[in-house]
Amino acid sequence: MSDFEYPPVDVDDNLPRWYVIQCKGGESFRAAEHLGNQGYDLFHPVLEVQKKRGGKLVWLNEPLFPHYLFIRLDRVASNWRPIRSTRGVLKIVTFGDKPLPVEDALVDTLREKGVEDQNATANVYFRAGEIVEITEGPFKDLQAVFASHKGEERAIVLLNLLNRQQRLVMPVAQLRPQG
């Protein structure tokens, strides 16, 4: 038997709560669209990412949590029946046989962090030798030469300082392609 106990929920069951919808593979945008058309209150956090498509780099929106989105429902007044048969929806995430509510603070934090406002970027691809522009920090607006990735979130760039190329390690998120 585990020492872990779930915290008691001190919320009236008639108040709206956030729940998690599991979507069919690659269909979270479809599920969000169809649930939104039915009038449900949703939160589908997305990131803007750069990917190669047809040999070109393009910016795309991708879910922060692939296959999942949040829906706000209350136990009594909301119509739960159409959710499961909505295109793109697999199921409501449950614990045992009861839908498991998510703390409002979690969704509020995700919204406050700006995940939804498209300013967050990830998976930016650069090639060695490519000219990049630094977008933040003490070297903001300077051009550098991309040398290599250092893990998923950091990059090594060559910056011309005092007539010498200096190697700097910086977050990939602070770089953008020159052009």
N, C-alpha and C. Protein backbone atom coordinates (compact mmCIF):
# COMPACT_ATOMS: atom_id res chain seq x y z
N MET A 1 0.84 -1.18 0.00
CA MET A 1 0.00 0.00 0.00
C MET A 1 0.88 1.24 0.00
N SER A 2 0.52 2.22 -0.78
CA SER A 2 1.31 3.43 -0.95
C SER A 2 1.05 4.42 0.17
N ASP A 3 2.08 5.22 0.51
CA ASP A 3 1.93 6.29 1.50
C ASP A 3 1.28 7.51 0.88
N PHE A 4 1.23 7.57 -0.45
CA PHE A 4 0.69 8.73 -1.14
C PHE A 4 -0.82 8.74 -1.03
N GLU A 5 -1.36 9.90 -0.67
CA GLU A 5 -2.81 10.06 -0.63
C GLU A 5 -3.19 11.23 -1.51
N TYR A 6 -4.28 11.08 -2.23
CA TYR A 6 -4.75 12.19 -3.05
C TYR A 6 -5.31 13.25 -2.14
N PRO A 7 -5.03 14.52 -2.43
CA PRO A 7 -5.58 15.59 -1.58
C PRO A 7 -7.09 15.62 -1.74
N PRO A 8 -7.78 15.92 -0.64
CA PRO A 8 -9.24 16.02 -0.76
C PRO A 8 -9.60 17.20 -1.63
N VAL A 9 -10.65 17.04 -2.40
CA VAL A 9 -11.12 18.12 -3.25
C VAL A 9 -12.18 18.88 -2.47
N ASP A 10 -11.87 20.15 -2.14
CA ASP A 10 -12.78 20.98 -1.36
C ASP A 10 -13.64 21.86 -2.27
N VAL A 11 -14.05 21.30 -3.39
CA VAL A 11 -14.80 22.09 -4.35
C VAL A 11 -16.18 21.47 -4.53
N ASP A 12 -17.17 22.32 -4.54
CA ASP A 12 -18.54 21.87 -4.77
C ASP A 12 -18.62 21.24 -6.15
N ASP A 13 -19.24 20.05 -6.24
CA ASP A 13 -19.33 19.35 -7.53
C ASP A 13 -20.11 20.14 -8.57
N ASN A 14 -20.87 21.14 -8.17
CA ASN A 14 -21.65 21.92 -9.13
C ASN A 14 -20.83 23.03 -9.77
N LEU A 15 -19.63 23.29 -9.28
CA LEU A 15 -18.79 24.33 -9.86
C LEU A 15 -18.04 23.77 -11.06
N PRO A 16 -17.85 24.59 -12.09
CA PRO A 16 -17.08 24.12 -13.24
C PRO A 16 -15.64 23.79 -12.85
N ARG A 17 -15.13 22.70 -13.42
CA ARG A 17 -13.75 22.26 -13.18
C ARG A 17 -13.11 21.94 -14.53
N TRP A 18 -11.79 21.95 -14.57
CA TRP A 18 -11.06 21.55 -15.77
C TRP A 18 -10.85 20.04 -15.74
N TYR A 19 -11.07 19.42 -16.89
CA TYR A 19 -10.82 17.99 -17.07
C TYR A 19 -9.94 17.83 -18.30
N VAL A 20 -9.35 16.66 -18.44
CA VAL A 20 -8.46 16.41 -19.56
C VAL A 20 -9.14 15.48 -20.55
N ILE A 21 -9.09 15.87 -21.81
CA ILE A 21 -9.60 15.04 -22.92
C ILE A 21 -8.40 14.40 -23.60
N GLN A 22 -8.44 13.09 -23.79
CA GLN A 22 -7.43 12.43 -24.60
C GLN A 22 -7.96 12.35 -26.02
N CYS A 23 -7.14 12.82 -26.95
CA CYS A 23 -7.55 12.87 -28.36
C CYS A 23 -6.92 11.72 -29.13
N LYS A 24 -7.54 11.40 -30.25
CA LYS A 24 -6.95 10.41 -31.15
C LYS A 24 -5.65 10.99 -31.69
N GLY A 25 -4.73 10.12 -32.07
CA GLY A 25 -3.41 10.53 -32.54
C GLY A 25 -3.47 11.62 -33.60
N GLY A 26 -2.81 12.75 -33.32
CA GLY A 26 -2.73 13.84 -34.28
C GLY A 26 -4.02 14.59 -34.52
N GLU A 27 -5.02 14.39 -33.67
CA GLU A 27 -6.32 15.02 -33.92
C GLU A 27 -6.76 16.00 -32.83
N SER A 28 -5.81 16.51 -32.05
CA SER A 28 -6.21 17.43 -30.98
C SER A 28 -6.79 18.74 -31.52
N PHE A 29 -6.26 19.21 -32.67
CA PHE A 29 -6.83 20.43 -33.26
C PHE A 29 -8.25 20.19 -33.77
N ARG A 30 -8.47 19.03 -34.38
CA ARG A 30 -9.82 18.68 -34.85
C ARG A 30 -10.77 18.57 -33.66
N ALA A 31 -10.34 17.90 -32.60
CA ALA A 31 -11.20 17.76 -31.41
C ALA A 31 -11.51 19.13 -30.82
N ALA A 32 -10.50 19.99 -30.73
CA ALA A 32 -10.72 21.33 -30.17
C ALA A 32 -11.71 22.11 -31.03
N GLU A 33 -11.58 22.00 -32.33
CA GLU A 33 -12.49 22.72 -33.23
C GLU A 33 -13.93 22.23 -33.05
N HIS A 34 -14.12 20.91 -33.06
CA HIS A 34 -15.48 20.36 -32.97
C HIS A 34 -16.09 20.59 -31.58
N LEU A 35 -15.30 20.47 -30.52
CA LEU A 35 -15.83 20.74 -29.18
C LEU A 35 -16.16 22.23 -29.03
N GLY A 36 -15.29 23.09 -29.59
CA GLY A 36 -15.56 24.53 -29.56
C GLY A 36 -16.83 24.88 -30.30
N ASN A 37 -17.07 24.22 -31.44
CA ASN A 37 -18.30 24.45 -32.20
C ASN A 37 -19.54 24.04 -31.41
N GLN A 38 -19.37 23.11 -30.47
CA GLN A 38 -20.49 22.68 -29.64
C GLN A 38 -20.67 23.57 -28.41
N GLY A 39 -19.79 24.58 -28.26
CA GLY A 39 -19.94 25.54 -27.18
C GLY A 39 -19.18 25.22 -25.91
N TYR A 40 -18.31 24.23 -25.93
CA TYR A 40 -17.56 23.89 -24.72
C TYR A 40 -16.42 24.89 -24.52
N ASP A 41 -16.10 25.13 -23.25
CA ASP A 41 -14.98 25.99 -22.86
C ASP A 41 -13.72 25.13 -22.87
N LEU A 42 -12.75 25.46 -23.75
CA LEU A 42 -11.56 24.64 -23.93
C LEU A 42 -10.29 25.43 -23.70
N PHE A 43 -9.23 24.71 -23.40
CA PHE A 43 -7.88 25.26 -23.38
C PHE A 43 -6.99 24.24 -24.06
N HIS A 44 -6.42 24.64 -25.19
CA HIS A 44 -5.56 23.77 -25.99
C HIS A 44 -4.22 24.49 -26.15
N PRO A 45 -3.30 24.31 -25.19
CA PRO A 45 -2.04 25.05 -25.26
C PRO A 45 -1.18 24.58 -26.43
N VAL A 46 -0.68 25.54 -27.19
CA VAL A 46 0.14 25.22 -28.36
C VAL A 46 1.44 26.03 -28.32
N LEU A 47 2.45 25.52 -29.01
CA LEU A 47 3.72 26.20 -29.19
C LEU A 47 3.93 26.42 -30.68
N GLU A 48 4.63 27.49 -31.01
CA GLU A 48 5.02 27.70 -32.39
C GLU A 48 6.39 27.06 -32.55
N VAL A 49 6.50 26.13 -33.49
CA VAL A 49 7.75 25.40 -33.70
C VAL A 49 8.18 25.52 -35.16
N GLN A 50 9.47 25.40 -35.38
CA GLN A 50 9.99 25.47 -36.73
C GLN A 50 10.35 24.06 -37.17
N LYS A 51 9.84 23.65 -38.34
CA LYS A 51 10.08 22.31 -38.86
C LYS A 51 10.40 22.40 -40.35
N LYS A 52 11.02 21.34 -40.83
CA LYS A 52 11.29 21.25 -42.26
C LYS A 52 10.10 20.62 -42.94
N ARG A 53 9.61 21.27 -43.98
CA ARG A 53 8.52 20.75 -44.80
C ARG A 53 8.90 20.99 -46.25
N GLY A 54 9.04 19.94 -47.02
CA GLY A 54 9.40 20.07 -48.42
C GLY A 54 10.74 20.76 -48.62
N GLY A 55 11.67 20.51 -47.71
CA GLY A 55 12.99 21.09 -47.82
C GLY A 55 13.10 22.52 -47.33
N LYS A 56 11.99 23.11 -46.86
CA LYS A 56 12.00 24.49 -46.38
C LYS A 56 11.64 24.51 -44.90
N LEU A 57 12.16 25.51 -44.19
CA LEU A 57 11.80 25.70 -42.79
C LEU A 57 10.51 26.51 -42.72
N VAL A 58 9.55 26.01 -41.99
CA VAL A 58 8.28 26.71 -41.82
C VAL A 58 7.91 26.71 -40.33
N TRP A 59 7.14 27.71 -39.93
CA TRP A 59 6.64 27.78 -38.56
C TRP A 59 5.27 27.12 -38.49
N LEU A 60 5.09 26.25 -37.51
CA LEU A 60 3.84 25.52 -37.33
C LEU A 60 3.40 25.61 -35.87
N ASN A 61 2.11 25.49 -35.64
CA ASN A 61 1.59 25.37 -34.28
C ASN A 61 1.47 23.90 -33.94
N GLU A 62 2.03 23.51 -32.79
CA GLU A 62 1.93 22.13 -32.31
C GLU A 62 1.44 22.15 -30.88
N PRO A 63 0.68 21.13 -30.49
CA PRO A 63 0.19 21.07 -29.11
C PRO A 63 1.34 20.95 -28.10
N LEU A 64 1.21 21.65 -26.99
CA LEU A 64 2.17 21.50 -25.91
C LEU A 64 2.09 20.09 -25.33
N PHE A 65 0.87 19.56 -25.23
CA PHE A 65 0.65 18.20 -24.76
C PHE A 65 0.02 17.42 -25.92
N PRO A 66 0.85 16.75 -26.73
CA PRO A 66 0.27 16.01 -27.86
C PRO A 66 -0.79 15.02 -27.37
N HIS A 67 -1.91 14.97 -28.05
CA HIS A 67 -3.02 14.06 -27.78
C HIS A 67 -3.92 14.49 -26.61
N TYR A 68 -3.69 15.69 -26.03
CA TYR A 68 -4.51 16.10 -24.88
C TYR A 68 -4.93 17.55 -25.01
N LEU A 69 -6.10 17.86 -24.42
CA LEU A 69 -6.55 19.23 -24.27
C LEU A 69 -7.39 19.30 -23.01
N PHE A 70 -7.66 20.51 -22.55
CA PHE A 70 -8.42 20.72 -21.32
C PHE A 70 -9.82 21.21 -21.68
N ILE A 71 -10.81 20.75 -20.91
CA ILE A 71 -12.19 21.17 -21.11
C ILE A 71 -12.79 21.53 -19.75
N ARG A 72 -13.55 22.62 -19.71
CA ARG A 72 -14.15 23.08 -18.44
C ARG A 72 -15.61 22.64 -18.41
N LEU A 73 -15.93 21.85 -17.41
CA LEU A 73 -17.28 21.30 -17.26
C LEU A 73 -17.70 21.33 -15.79
N ASP A 74 -19.01 21.30 -15.55
CA ASP A 74 -19.43 21.03 -14.18
C ASP A 74 -20.22 19.73 -14.17
N ARG A 75 -20.25 19.11 -13.02
CA ARG A 75 -20.79 17.75 -12.90
C ARG A 75 -22.28 17.67 -13.22
N VAL A 76 -23.00 18.78 -12.99
CA VAL A 76 -24.45 18.72 -13.14
C VAL A 76 -24.95 19.41 -14.41
N ALA A 77 -24.57 20.66 -14.62
CA ALA A 77 -25.16 21.45 -15.70
C ALA A 77 -24.59 21.15 -17.08
N SER A 78 -23.36 20.67 -17.18
CA SER A 78 -22.76 20.44 -18.49
C SER A 78 -23.28 19.15 -19.12
N ASN A 79 -23.40 19.18 -20.44
CA ASN A 79 -23.82 17.99 -21.19
C ASN A 79 -22.56 17.22 -21.58
N TRP A 80 -22.31 16.11 -20.89
CA TRP A 80 -21.11 15.31 -21.09
C TRP A 80 -21.27 14.31 -22.24
N ARG A 81 -22.51 13.97 -22.61
CA ARG A 81 -22.75 12.90 -23.58
C ARG A 81 -22.08 13.08 -24.94
N PRO A 82 -22.18 14.28 -25.56
CA PRO A 82 -21.63 14.40 -26.91
C PRO A 82 -20.09 14.38 -26.97
N ILE A 83 -19.44 14.55 -25.84
CA ILE A 83 -17.98 14.69 -25.86
C ILE A 83 -17.31 13.45 -26.45
N ARG A 84 -17.68 12.28 -25.96
CA ARG A 84 -17.01 11.06 -26.40
C ARG A 84 -17.21 10.75 -27.87
N SER A 85 -18.33 11.19 -28.45
CA SER A 85 -18.59 10.91 -29.86
C SER A 85 -18.13 12.04 -30.78
N THR A 86 -17.47 13.05 -30.21
CA THR A 86 -16.98 14.17 -31.01
C THR A 86 -15.76 13.73 -31.82
N ARG A 87 -15.69 14.16 -33.08
CA ARG A 87 -14.56 13.80 -33.94
C ARG A 87 -13.25 14.24 -33.30
N GLY A 88 -12.29 13.31 -33.26
CA GLY A 88 -10.97 13.58 -32.71
C GLY A 88 -10.82 13.21 -31.25
N VAL A 89 -11.93 13.04 -30.53
CA VAL A 89 -11.88 12.73 -29.11
C VAL A 89 -11.80 11.21 -28.91
N LEU A 90 -10.88 10.78 -28.05
CA LEU A 90 -10.79 9.37 -27.69
C LEU A 90 -11.58 9.12 -26.41
N LYS A 91 -11.28 9.92 -25.35
CA LYS A 91 -11.98 9.74 -24.08
C LYS A 91 -11.66 10.88 -23.12
N ILE A 92 -12.42 10.96 -22.05
CA ILE A 92 -12.11 11.85 -20.94
C ILE A 92 -11.22 11.06 -20.00
N VAL A 93 -10.13 11.66 -19.56
CA VAL A 93 -9.21 10.97 -18.66
C VAL A 93 -9.89 10.76 -17.32
N THR A 94 -9.84 9.51 -16.84
CA THR A 94 -10.51 9.16 -15.58
C THR A 94 -9.52 8.52 -14.62
N PHE A 95 -9.90 8.51 -13.38
CA PHE A 95 -9.20 7.75 -12.34
C PHE A 95 -10.23 6.78 -11.80
N GLY A 96 -10.01 5.50 -12.08
CA GLY A 96 -11.06 4.52 -11.81
C GLY A 96 -12.13 4.74 -12.86
N ASP A 97 -13.34 4.99 -12.42
CA ASP A 97 -14.42 5.23 -13.38
C ASP A 97 -14.94 6.67 -13.31
N LYS A 98 -14.21 7.55 -12.61
CA LYS A 98 -14.66 8.94 -12.47
C LYS A 98 -13.70 9.89 -13.18
N PRO A 99 -14.25 10.87 -13.90
CA PRO A 99 -13.38 11.88 -14.53
C PRO A 99 -12.53 12.57 -13.47
N LEU A 100 -11.27 12.74 -13.77
CA LEU A 100 -10.33 13.32 -12.83
C LEU A 100 -10.16 14.81 -13.10
N PRO A 101 -10.63 15.68 -12.17
CA PRO A 101 -10.48 17.11 -12.40
C PRO A 101 -9.02 17.54 -12.25
N VAL A 102 -8.66 18.59 -12.98
CA VAL A 102 -7.32 19.18 -12.91
C VAL A 102 -7.45 20.46 -12.11
N GLU A 103 -6.46 20.75 -11.30
CA GLU A 103 -6.50 21.97 -10.50
C GLU A 103 -6.55 23.20 -11.42
N ASP A 104 -7.40 24.14 -11.08
CA ASP A 104 -7.50 25.39 -11.85
C ASP A 104 -6.15 26.10 -11.92
N ALA A 105 -5.36 25.98 -10.85
CA ALA A 105 -4.06 26.65 -10.80
C ALA A 105 -3.13 26.18 -11.92
N LEU A 106 -3.22 24.92 -12.29
CA LEU A 106 -2.38 24.40 -13.37
C LEU A 106 -2.70 25.09 -14.69
N VAL A 107 -3.98 25.14 -15.03
CA VAL A 107 -4.39 25.79 -16.27
C VAL A 107 -4.09 27.28 -16.22
N ASP A 108 -4.33 27.91 -15.07
CA ASP A 108 -4.02 29.33 -14.92
C ASP A 108 -2.53 29.59 -15.14
N THR A 109 -1.69 28.73 -14.59
CA THR A 109 -0.24 28.89 -14.75
C THR A 109 0.16 28.75 -16.21
N LEU A 110 -0.39 27.76 -16.89
CA LEU A 110 -0.08 27.59 -18.32
C LEU A 110 -0.49 28.83 -19.11
N ARG A 111 -1.63 29.38 -18.79
CA ARG A 111 -2.10 30.58 -19.50
C ARG A 111 -1.21 31.78 -19.17
N GLU A 112 -0.82 31.92 -17.90
CA GLU A 112 0.02 33.05 -17.49
C GLU A 112 1.40 32.98 -18.13
N LYS A 113 1.92 31.79 -18.33
CA LYS A 113 3.25 31.63 -18.90
C LYS A 113 3.26 31.98 -20.38
N GLY A 114 2.10 32.25 -20.94
CA GLY A 114 2.05 32.70 -22.33
C GLY A 114 2.14 31.58 -23.34
N VAL A 115 1.88 30.36 -22.92
CA VAL A 115 1.95 29.24 -23.86
C VAL A 115 0.96 29.48 -24.99
N GLU A 116 -0.19 30.06 -24.67
CA GLU A 116 -1.23 30.24 -25.66
C GLU A 116 -0.97 31.41 -26.60
N ASP A 117 -0.09 32.36 -26.20
CA ASP A 117 0.03 33.57 -27.00
C ASP A 117 1.04 33.48 -28.14
N GLN A 118 1.53 32.30 -28.42
CA GLN A 118 2.39 32.06 -29.58
C GLN A 118 3.75 32.71 -29.50
N ASN A 119 4.15 33.26 -28.36
CA ASN A 119 5.48 33.84 -28.27
C ASN A 119 6.54 32.79 -27.94
N ALA A 120 6.10 31.65 -27.46
CA ALA A 120 7.06 30.59 -27.13
C ALA A 120 7.43 29.85 -28.41
N THR A 121 8.70 29.58 -28.56
CA THR A 121 9.15 28.85 -29.74
C THR A 121 10.00 27.67 -29.29
N ALA A 122 10.04 26.64 -30.11
CA ALA A 122 10.83 25.46 -29.79
C ALA A 122 11.22 24.77 -31.09
N ASN A 123 12.14 23.86 -30.99
CA ASN A 123 12.57 23.04 -32.12
C ASN A 123 13.03 23.88 -33.31
N VAL A 124 13.81 24.92 -33.05
CA VAL A 124 14.32 25.73 -34.14
C VAL A 124 15.54 25.00 -34.71
N TYR A 125 15.56 24.82 -36.02
CA TYR A 125 16.64 24.11 -36.68
C TYR A 125 17.59 25.08 -37.35
N PHE A 126 18.87 24.92 -37.08
CA PHE A 126 19.89 25.70 -37.74
C PHE A 126 20.94 24.73 -38.27
N ARG A 127 21.64 25.15 -39.33
CA ARG A 127 22.74 24.36 -39.88
C ARG A 127 24.06 25.04 -39.53
N ALA A 128 25.10 24.24 -39.36
CA ALA A 128 26.43 24.80 -39.12
C ALA A 128 26.79 25.74 -40.26
N GLY A 129 27.29 26.92 -39.90
CA GLY A 129 27.67 27.91 -40.90
C GLY A 129 26.58 28.91 -41.23
N GLU A 130 25.36 28.67 -40.76
CA GLU A 130 24.24 29.57 -41.05
C GLU A 130 24.37 30.85 -40.22
N ILE A 131 24.06 31.99 -40.84
CA ILE A 131 24.07 33.27 -40.14
C ILE A 131 22.77 33.39 -39.34
N VAL A 132 22.91 33.72 -38.05
CA VAL A 132 21.75 33.88 -37.18
C VAL A 132 21.82 35.25 -36.51
N GLU A 133 20.68 35.69 -36.04
CA GLU A 133 20.62 36.95 -35.29
C GLU A 133 20.28 36.63 -33.85
N ILE A 134 20.96 37.29 -32.93
CA ILE A 134 20.71 37.10 -31.50
C ILE A 134 19.58 38.05 -31.11
N THR A 135 18.54 37.51 -30.46
CA THR A 135 17.33 38.29 -30.19
C THR A 135 17.22 38.80 -28.77
N GLU A 136 18.07 38.32 -27.84
CA GLU A 136 17.98 38.73 -26.44
C GLU A 136 19.37 38.78 -25.83
N GLY A 137 19.46 39.42 -24.67
CA GLY A 137 20.70 39.44 -23.92
C GLY A 137 21.65 40.54 -24.35
N PRO A 138 22.88 40.49 -23.84
CA PRO A 138 23.84 41.57 -24.10
C PRO A 138 24.27 41.66 -25.56
N PHE A 139 24.08 40.60 -26.34
CA PHE A 139 24.47 40.61 -27.75
C PHE A 139 23.27 40.77 -28.69
N LYS A 140 22.17 41.26 -28.13
CA LYS A 140 20.94 41.42 -28.90
C LYS A 140 21.20 42.21 -30.18
N ASP A 141 20.58 41.77 -31.28
CA ASP A 141 20.65 42.39 -32.61
C ASP A 141 21.98 42.18 -33.33
N LEU A 142 22.90 41.43 -32.74
CA LEU A 142 24.15 41.13 -33.43
C LEU A 142 24.00 39.85 -34.24
N GLN A 143 24.79 39.75 -35.30
CA GLN A 143 24.79 38.54 -36.12
C GLN A 143 25.92 37.63 -35.65
N ALA A 144 25.67 36.33 -35.76
CA ALA A 144 26.67 35.33 -35.40
C ALA A 144 26.57 34.19 -36.40
N VAL A 145 27.53 33.29 -36.33
CA VAL A 145 27.52 32.11 -37.17
C VAL A 145 27.16 30.92 -36.29
N PHE A 146 26.13 30.19 -36.68
CA PHE A 146 25.73 29.02 -35.92
C PHE A 146 26.79 27.94 -36.10
N ALA A 147 27.31 27.40 -34.97
CA ALA A 147 28.34 26.36 -35.04
C ALA A 147 27.72 24.98 -34.84
N SER A 148 26.96 24.81 -33.73
CA SER A 148 26.36 23.49 -33.46
C SER A 148 25.34 23.59 -32.34
N HIS A 149 24.54 22.54 -32.23
CA HIS A 149 23.61 22.43 -31.10
C HIS A 149 24.39 21.85 -29.92
N LYS A 150 24.00 22.25 -28.73
CA LYS A 150 24.57 21.69 -27.51
C LYS A 150 23.39 21.25 -26.67
N GLY A 151 22.93 20.04 -26.91
CA GLY A 151 21.70 19.58 -26.29
C GLY A 151 20.52 20.09 -27.08
N GLU A 152 19.33 20.01 -26.47
CA GLU A 152 18.12 20.42 -27.17
C GLU A 152 17.85 21.91 -27.09
N GLU A 153 18.31 22.56 -26.01
CA GLU A 153 17.91 23.94 -25.79
C GLU A 153 19.05 24.94 -25.92
N ARG A 154 20.27 24.48 -26.14
CA ARG A 154 21.40 25.40 -26.21
C ARG A 154 22.13 25.25 -27.54
N ALA A 155 22.85 26.30 -27.90
CA ALA A 155 23.59 26.30 -29.16
C ALA A 155 24.95 26.95 -28.95
N ILE A 156 25.88 26.57 -29.79
CA ILE A 156 27.19 27.22 -29.82
C ILE A 156 27.20 28.10 -31.06
N VAL A 157 27.50 29.39 -30.86
CA VAL A 157 27.59 30.32 -31.98
C VAL A 157 28.97 30.97 -31.97
N LEU A 158 29.38 31.42 -33.12
CA LEU A 158 30.64 32.14 -33.27
C LEU A 158 30.30 33.60 -33.50
N LEU A 159 30.78 34.46 -32.60
CA LEU A 159 30.48 35.88 -32.66
C LEU A 159 31.79 36.63 -32.87
N ASN A 160 31.82 37.54 -33.82
CA ASN A 160 33.03 38.30 -34.10
C ASN A 160 33.13 39.45 -33.11
N LEU A 161 34.04 39.31 -32.14
CA LEU A 161 34.28 40.34 -31.13
C LEU A 161 35.76 40.68 -31.13
N LEU A 162 36.07 41.95 -31.19
CA LEU A 162 37.46 42.42 -31.18
C LEU A 162 38.28 41.75 -32.28
N ASN A 163 37.69 41.64 -33.46
CA ASN A 163 38.34 41.06 -34.64
C ASN A 163 38.73 39.59 -34.46
N ARG A 164 38.05 38.88 -33.57
CA ARG A 164 38.28 37.45 -33.39
C ARG A 164 36.92 36.77 -33.24
N GLN A 165 36.84 35.56 -33.72
CA GLN A 165 35.60 34.79 -33.52
C GLN A 165 35.62 34.17 -32.13
N GLN A 166 34.62 34.52 -31.35
CA GLN A 166 34.49 33.98 -29.99
C GLN A 166 33.36 32.97 -29.97
N ARG A 167 33.62 31.83 -29.31
CA ARG A 167 32.59 30.79 -29.15
C ARG A 167 31.72 31.14 -27.95
N LEU A 168 30.40 31.21 -28.17
CA LEU A 168 29.46 31.48 -27.10
C LEU A 168 28.42 30.37 -27.05
N VAL A 169 28.03 30.00 -25.84
CA VAL A 169 26.95 29.04 -25.66
C VAL A 169 25.74 29.83 -25.19
N MET A 170 24.63 29.66 -25.88
CA MET A 170 23.43 30.42 -25.53
C MET A 170 22.18 29.61 -25.83
N PRO A 171 21.03 30.00 -25.25
CA PRO A 171 19.79 29.29 -25.55
C PRO A 171 19.40 29.42 -27.02
N VAL A 172 18.96 28.33 -27.61
CA VAL A 172 18.51 28.35 -29.01
C VAL A 172 17.36 29.33 -29.16
N ALA A 173 16.53 29.48 -28.12
CA ALA A 173 15.38 30.37 -28.20
C ALA A 173 15.79 31.84 -28.40
N GLN A 174 17.06 32.18 -28.15
CA GLN A 174 17.52 33.55 -28.33
C GLN A 174 18.09 33.78 -29.73
N LEU A 175 17.93 32.81 -30.62
CA LEU A 175 18.45 32.93 -31.98
C LEU A 175 17.31 32.86 -32.98
N ARG A 176 17.49 33.57 -34.10
CA ARG A 176 16.54 33.43 -35.19
C ARG A 176 17.33 33.48 -36.50
N PRO A 177 16.81 32.83 -37.51
CA PRO A 177 17.51 32.84 -38.80
C PRO A 177 17.63 34.26 -39.33
N GLN A 178 18.76 34.58 -39.89
CA GLN A 178 18.95 35.90 -40.50
C GLN A 178 18.21 35.93 -41.82
N GLY A 179 17.47 36.96 -42.04
CA GLY A 179 16.76 37.03 -43.32
C GLY A 179 15.51 37.72 -43.23
